[in-house]
């Protein structure tokens, strides 16, 4: 498994006001299955800061970086492929 993390400042719905930008942590894991010529990517986004003018202000909640990372690790730990027949042989 490969893992990376990043952070972006982004506004939804093409909002132009700089105070509409939200700070979002992004976690990504890549599982490679060369025997099946397949990769699986799992991503998890957690908003860290909701902009004052963001349209998400009313509905989104700011998250905790550590809690978000722990949730992502728990998700990865429980990820399981139950049926490898989903992947066609090449």
Protein backbone atom coordinates (compact mmCIF):
# COMPACT_ATOMS: atom_id res chain seq x y z
CA UNK A 1 0.00 0.00 0.00
CA UNK A 2 1.13 3.52 -0.78
CA UNK A 3 -0.09 6.50 1.19
CA UNK A 4 0.00 10.25 0.73
CA UNK A 5 -1.63 13.26 2.29
CA UNK A 6 -2.20 16.79 1.14
CA UNK A 7 -4.09 19.94 1.88
CA UNK A 8 -6.01 22.24 -0.41
CA UNK A 9 -7.72 25.57 -0.15
CA UNK A 10 -10.83 25.32 -2.28
CA UNK A 11 -14.22 26.96 -2.74
CA UNK A 12 -17.32 25.09 -3.86
CA UNK A 13 -19.65 26.05 -6.69
CA UNK A 14 -17.11 28.45 -8.25
CA UNK A 15 -17.46 30.91 -5.35
CA UNK A 16 -15.19 33.90 -6.04
CA UNK A 17 -14.97 35.51 -2.59
CA UNK A 18 -11.58 34.59 -1.03
CA UNK A 19 -13.29 34.13 2.34
CA UNK A 20 -15.43 31.38 0.77
CA UNK A 21 -12.41 29.09 0.53
CA UNK A 22 -12.29 26.01 2.74
CA UNK A 23 -9.15 24.29 3.99
CA UNK A 24 -9.45 20.55 3.34
CA UNK A 25 -7.07 17.74 4.29
CA UNK A 26 -6.91 14.92 1.77
CA UNK A 27 -5.73 11.41 2.57
CA UNK A 28 -5.12 8.90 -0.21
CA UNK A 29 -4.14 5.24 -0.19
CA UNK A 30 -3.20 3.21 -3.24
CA UNK A 31 -3.47 -0.57 -3.24
CA UNK A 32 -1.71 -2.24 -6.17
CA UNK A 33 -2.73 -5.68 -7.38
CA UNK A 34 -0.27 -6.48 -10.20
CA UNK A 35 -1.55 -10.05 -10.54
CA UNK A 36 -4.87 -8.55 -11.63
CA UNK A 37 -3.42 -5.51 -13.43
CA UNK A 38 -5.54 -3.40 -11.06
CA UNK A 39 -5.10 -0.55 -8.62
CA UNK A 40 -7.60 0.60 -6.00
CA UNK A 41 -7.47 4.16 -4.72
CA UNK A 42 -9.23 5.17 -1.51
CA UNK A 43 -9.48 8.86 -0.65
CA UNK A 44 -10.83 10.63 2.40
CA UNK A 45 -11.37 14.38 2.70
CA UNK A 46 -11.85 16.23 5.96
CA UNK A 47 -12.64 19.95 6.11
CA UNK A 48 -10.31 21.63 8.58
CA UNK A 49 -11.51 25.21 8.21
CA UNK A 50 -14.77 26.41 6.65
CA UNK A 51 -14.51 29.87 5.08
CA UNK A 52 -16.68 32.61 6.59
CA UNK A 53 -18.43 33.23 3.24
CA UNK A 54 -18.54 29.58 2.15
CA UNK A 55 -21.85 28.12 1.00
CA UNK A 56 -20.84 25.10 3.12
CA UNK A 57 -20.85 27.19 6.29
CA UNK A 58 -24.40 26.15 7.27
CA UNK A 59 -24.04 22.42 6.67
CA UNK A 60 -20.39 21.40 6.97
CA UNK A 61 -18.52 20.92 10.21
CA UNK A 62 -14.86 21.60 10.74
CA UNK A 63 -12.99 18.44 11.58
CA UNK A 64 -10.11 17.51 13.79
CA UNK A 65 -6.97 16.53 11.85
CA UNK A 66 -6.00 13.74 14.25
CA UNK A 67 -9.51 12.31 14.46
CA UNK A 68 -9.82 12.39 10.66
CA UNK A 69 -6.53 10.58 10.20
CA UNK A 70 -7.52 7.92 12.75
CA UNK A 71 -10.84 7.40 10.93
CA UNK A 72 -8.97 6.99 7.65
CA UNK A 73 -6.56 4.45 9.16
CA UNK A 74 -9.51 2.52 10.60
CA UNK A 75 -11.17 2.52 7.17
CA UNK A 76 -8.00 1.17 5.54
CA UNK A 77 -7.55 -1.48 8.23
CA UNK A 78 -11.02 -2.86 7.53
CA UNK A 79 -10.78 -2.71 3.73
CA UNK A 80 -11.11 -6.19 2.29
CA UNK A 81 -11.72 -7.64 -1.14
CA UNK A 82 -14.22 -10.44 -0.73
CA UNK A 83 -14.26 -11.63 -4.33
CA UNK A 84 -11.19 -11.37 -6.54
CA UNK A 85 -13.31 -12.60 -9.46
CA UNK A 86 -14.35 -8.96 -9.79
CA UNK A 87 -11.07 -8.41 -11.59
CA UNK A 88 -10.89 -9.98 -15.02
CA UNK A 89 -7.73 -11.89 -15.81
CA UNK A 90 -5.49 -10.23 -18.37
